[in-house]
Structure formats: C-alpha cells, structure tokens
Amino acid sequence: MRRILVEHMTAVAVVGLDDVAAYDEPVEDEPTFEGNALLKARAGVAATGLPTLADDSGLCVDALNGMPGVLSARWSGPPPGSKEGQDERNNELLLAQLHDVPDERRTAHFACAVALVHPDGRELVVEGRMDGRVIREVRGSGGFGYDVLFVADDRPGPTTAELSREDKDAISHRGKALREIAPLVAQLLS
C-alpha cells in the first residue's frame, strides 16, 4: 500500500503502522469489504488521531456465489494456533470446492475497498476490481493468498504470483483503488 501511495501522493507524508504506537486492530466482522475497511480506518483514527487509510480485499468466485469474499483470509477456518500455512489451507479448500467446475465457469475477481477516515469525521471509500479466473494448480511464488491460483484477464498467462510487483500493482484491485483515492487524499489534506 505504502509503495503505491508514496508514488502518487508526493505532497503528503505517508505514515505506516510501523511508524505509530501499536494498537489493537478491530475484528473484521462486517459483511462487506467497504465495512471492514471503514472499521479498520476508524480504529486507526481513534488510536493515532491521524487521518487513516485502510483497506479490505478478497477473492470473489462466481461459481461459489461470490465466496470466499470477505472471508477470504480465513476461508478454511481459524488458524490452528498461528496463521502459518493459512494461505495453503485456503488454496487447498478453494481447489477442492472448484474441482468439478469446468474452466469456463471458474471466473472470479479480486475486490478491494480502500477507506479514508479523517479525525474530523469525514469518510471516503473507493473500490478497485481485478477480473480473471481461478486455475487448477498452484503456480508462482510471489504475492500472497490466492495469487498462486489467479490469472487476471488483463495479463492472461501468468498467475498474479508470477507477475513482477510493478506489473501486479498496475492491474491489481488494490493498485486501482489506491491510485483512485490518492488524489482525493491529497485534496482532502491540503
């Protein structure tokens, strides 16, 4: 997030979670990406007193009626003791659920909501989307989560885990949302 924001908001100092005192992050229990992004941004403002950007994103698979959606990070259930291996368990479950689904019906999209909350109460949310499909086997080692199973319509061939960081940022749901909100943040803070 920081990498994209710094590139597009040269007049604004971007401060990350590592730069502020640690605080408890809220439980993401909203039914929408927008709701979870706002929840996290509001918690950031309450803890720091600073304007806060937060995002929430996930994979929405058409053959699964939009799931895992907001449950993407914990699709295979709560991690047993630690989050280590969670991505692998999520990917295994997704592949099992789509096992009998023909390739032409494996369409999906990544969605991202980015929320800005200002200490004065103003709020803004933008959304980004990356359309594509879920393939049948894990490919690549970059990225995280479902990237090893997702081929974007904008870059047919490689999975998003096989793209360079720059190429992925150019087409990703998060990159699109951050590029859209960056000038609005600069305008709001000027």
Protein backbone atom coordinates (compact mmCIF):
# COMPACT_ATOMS: atom_id res chain seq x y z
CA MET A 1 0.00 0.00 0.00
CA ARG A 2 2.72 2.46 1.04
CA ARG A 3 4.72 1.93 -2.16
CA ILE A 4 1.78 2.94 -4.37
CA LEU A 5 0.69 5.83 -2.15
CA VAL A 6 4.17 7.37 -1.96
CA GLU A 7 4.38 7.30 -5.75
CA HIS A 8 1.03 9.08 -6.18
CA MET A 9 0.96 11.42 -3.16
CA THR A 10 4.26 13.28 -3.24
CA ALA A 11 2.98 16.24 -1.18
CA VAL A 12 1.71 14.06 1.69
CA ALA A 13 3.83 12.24 4.29
CA VAL A 14 2.74 8.60 4.31
CA VAL A 15 2.98 7.03 7.76
CA GLY A 16 2.55 3.28 8.18
CA LEU A 17 1.56 1.05 11.08
CA ASP A 18 5.27 0.56 11.90
CA ASP A 19 5.56 4.33 12.44
CA VAL A 20 2.88 4.64 15.15
CA ALA A 21 2.38 3.10 18.57
CA ALA A 22 0.91 -0.39 18.35
CA TYR A 23 -2.83 -0.66 18.86
CA ASP A 24 -5.36 -3.47 18.76
CA GLU A 25 -6.74 -3.93 15.28
CA PRO A 26 -10.50 -4.50 15.18
CA VAL A 27 -12.10 -7.82 14.35
CA GLU A 28 -13.15 -7.71 10.70
CA ASP A 29 -16.76 -8.74 11.16
CA GLU A 30 -18.54 -6.53 8.64
CA PRO A 31 -20.37 -8.22 5.73
CA THR A 32 -18.69 -6.05 3.06
CA PHE A 33 -15.16 -5.03 2.07
CA GLU A 34 -16.24 -1.40 2.48
CA GLY A 35 -17.48 -2.05 6.01
CA ASN A 36 -14.26 -3.77 7.07
CA ALA A 37 -12.07 -1.05 5.52
CA LEU A 38 -14.05 1.64 7.36
CA LEU A 39 -13.86 -0.35 10.60
CA LYS A 40 -10.06 -0.52 10.36
CA ALA A 41 -9.65 3.13 9.30
CA ARG A 42 -11.86 4.34 12.16
CA ALA A 43 -9.79 2.28 14.61
CA GLY A 44 -6.63 3.87 13.21
CA VAL A 45 -8.00 7.38 13.67
CA ALA A 46 -9.14 6.58 17.22
CA ALA A 47 -5.71 5.19 18.12
CA THR A 48 -3.49 7.77 16.41
CA GLY A 49 -5.53 10.92 15.87
CA LEU A 50 -4.24 10.91 12.29
CA PRO A 51 -6.16 10.65 9.01
CA THR A 52 -6.13 6.95 8.27
CA LEU A 53 -6.33 4.81 5.14
CA ALA A 54 -7.23 1.16 5.47
CA ASP A 55 -8.23 -1.49 3.01
CA ASP A 56 -10.02 -4.78 2.88
CA SER A 57 -9.92 -7.14 -0.04
CA GLY A 58 -10.64 -10.66 -1.11
CA LEU A 59 -11.39 -13.10 -3.87
CA CYS A 60 -14.97 -13.47 -5.13
CA VAL A 61 -15.56 -16.65 -7.16
CA ASP A 62 -18.63 -16.66 -9.38
CA ALA A 63 -19.21 -20.44 -9.15
CA LEU A 64 -19.23 -20.07 -5.34
CA ASN A 65 -21.76 -17.21 -5.37
CA GLY A 66 -19.07 -14.63 -4.61
CA MET A 67 -17.37 -16.55 -1.84
CA PRO A 68 -14.91 -16.56 -0.16
CA GLY A 69 -15.40 -12.76 -0.38
CA VAL A 70 -14.86 -11.00 2.96
CA LEU A 71 -13.94 -14.39 4.44
CA SER A 72 -11.01 -14.84 2.04
CA ALA A 73 -8.23 -14.74 4.65
CA ARG A 74 -9.98 -17.27 6.90
CA TRP A 75 -11.87 -19.34 4.30
CA SER A 76 -10.50 -22.65 5.61
CA GLY A 77 -11.41 -21.74 9.19
CA PRO A 78 -9.49 -20.16 12.04
CA PRO A 79 -5.77 -20.89 12.03
CA PRO A 80 -4.75 -23.66 14.44
CA GLY A 81 -2.57 -21.64 16.83
CA SER A 82 -0.90 -19.45 14.20
CA LYS A 83 -1.52 -18.05 10.74
CA GLU A 84 1.36 -20.06 9.29
CA GLY A 85 0.05 -22.24 6.49
CA GLN A 86 -3.28 -20.39 6.29
CA ASP A 87 -2.79 -19.41 2.62
CA GLU A 88 -2.01 -23.01 1.69
CA ARG A 89 -5.08 -24.32 3.54
CA ASN A 90 -7.28 -21.67 1.89
CA ASN A 91 -5.92 -22.55 -1.57
CA GLU A 92 -6.40 -26.28 -0.99
CA LEU A 93 -10.01 -25.72 0.08
CA LEU A 94 -10.73 -23.48 -2.91
CA LEU A 95 -9.29 -26.05 -5.33
CA ALA A 96 -11.35 -28.80 -3.70
CA GLN A 97 -14.53 -26.72 -3.94
CA LEU A 98 -13.90 -25.97 -7.63
CA HIS A 99 -12.69 -29.47 -8.52
CA ASP A 100 -15.67 -30.34 -10.74
CA VAL A 101 -16.21 -26.81 -12.08
CA PRO A 102 -15.29 -26.54 -15.79
CA ASP A 103 -12.64 -23.99 -16.75
CA GLU A 104 -15.12 -21.66 -18.44
CA ARG A 105 -17.07 -21.34 -15.16
CA ARG A 106 -14.03 -20.61 -12.95
CA THR A 107 -14.38 -16.84 -13.34
CA ALA A 108 -13.62 -14.68 -10.35
CA HIS A 109 -12.47 -11.24 -9.32
CA PHE A 110 -10.42 -9.70 -6.58
CA ALA A 111 -12.16 -6.77 -4.90
CA CYS A 112 -10.59 -4.10 -2.73
CA ALA A 113 -12.18 -1.28 -0.75
CA VAL A 114 -9.90 1.50 0.50
CA ALA A 115 -11.33 3.79 3.17
CA LEU A 116 -10.06 7.17 4.29
CA VAL A 117 -11.27 8.41 7.67
CA HIS A 118 -10.32 11.91 8.83
CA PRO A 119 -10.25 12.84 12.53
CA ASP A 120 -12.96 15.45 11.83
CA GLY A 121 -15.35 12.64 10.83
CA ARG A 122 -15.16 12.85 7.05
CA GLU A 123 -15.06 9.45 5.36
CA LEU A 124 -14.41 8.33 1.82
CA VAL A 125 -14.34 4.85 0.27
CA VAL A 126 -13.23 3.77 -3.20
CA GLU A 127 -13.21 0.30 -4.70
CA GLY A 128 -10.99 -1.49 -7.18
CA ARG A 129 -11.52 -4.74 -9.04
CA MET A 130 -9.37 -7.20 -10.98
CA ASP A 131 -11.24 -9.74 -13.09
CA GLY A 132 -9.85 -13.13 -14.01
CA ARG A 133 -10.18 -16.82 -13.33
CA VAL A 134 -9.07 -19.50 -10.90
CA ILE A 135 -6.75 -22.10 -12.42
CA ARG A 136 -6.44 -25.76 -11.42
CA GLU A 137 -2.99 -25.84 -9.84
CA VAL A 138 -0.72 -23.58 -7.79
CA ARG A 139 1.78 -21.58 -9.87
CA GLY A 140 4.30 -18.98 -8.77
CA SER A 141 5.83 -17.84 -5.52
CA GLY A 142 5.26 -14.09 -5.43
CA GLY A 143 2.35 -12.24 -3.91
CA PHE A 144 0.25 -13.90 -1.24
CA GLY A 145 -3.05 -15.62 -0.62
CA TYR A 146 -4.84 -16.73 -3.75
CA ASP A 147 -2.33 -15.12 -6.16
CA VAL A 148 -0.90 -18.58 -6.94
CA LEU A 149 -4.30 -19.64 -8.37
CA PHE A 150 -5.46 -16.45 -10.10
CA VAL A 151 -4.88 -15.39 -13.71
CA ALA A 152 -6.00 -11.84 -14.44
CA ASP A 153 -7.89 -11.02 -17.63
CA ASP A 154 -5.51 -8.07 -18.14
CA ARG A 155 -2.44 -10.38 -18.11
CA PRO A 156 -3.53 -13.76 -19.48
CA GLY A 157 -0.97 -16.49 -18.94
CA PRO A 158 0.89 -15.94 -15.68
CA THR A 159 -0.76 -16.10 -12.29
CA THR A 160 -0.61 -12.90 -10.27
CA ALA A 161 2.00 -14.71 -8.16
CA GLU A 162 4.20 -14.90 -11.28
CA LEU A 163 3.97 -11.19 -12.10
CA SER A 164 6.55 -8.64 -11.03
CA ARG A 165 5.44 -6.36 -8.22
CA GLU A 166 5.19 -3.48 -10.70
CA ASP A 167 3.11 -5.45 -13.20
CA LYS A 168 0.77 -6.67 -10.46
CA ASP A 169 0.41 -3.15 -9.00
CA ALA A 170 -0.54 -1.85 -12.46
CA ILE A 171 -3.54 -4.19 -12.80
CA SER A 172 -4.48 -5.21 -9.28
CA HIS A 173 -7.65 -4.36 -7.42
CA ARG A 174 -5.62 -2.72 -4.65
CA GLY A 175 -3.46 -0.75 -7.09
CA LYS A 176 -6.55 0.55 -8.89
CA ALA A 177 -8.25 1.60 -5.65
CA LEU A 178 -5.12 3.27 -4.26
CA ARG A 179 -4.47 5.19 -7.48
CA GLU A 180 -8.09 6.39 -7.41
CA ILE A 181 -8.01 7.52 -3.79
CA ALA A 182 -4.52 9.09 -3.78
CA PRO A 183 -5.51 12.43 -5.40
CA LEU A 184 -8.61 12.58 -3.20
CA VAL A 185 -6.46 12.13 -0.09
CA ALA A 186 -4.07 14.84 -1.23
CA GLN A 187 -7.02 17.16 -1.90
CA LEU A 188 -8.65 16.40 1.47
CA LEU A 189 -5.43 17.02 3.39
CA SER A 190 -4.38 20.19 1.57
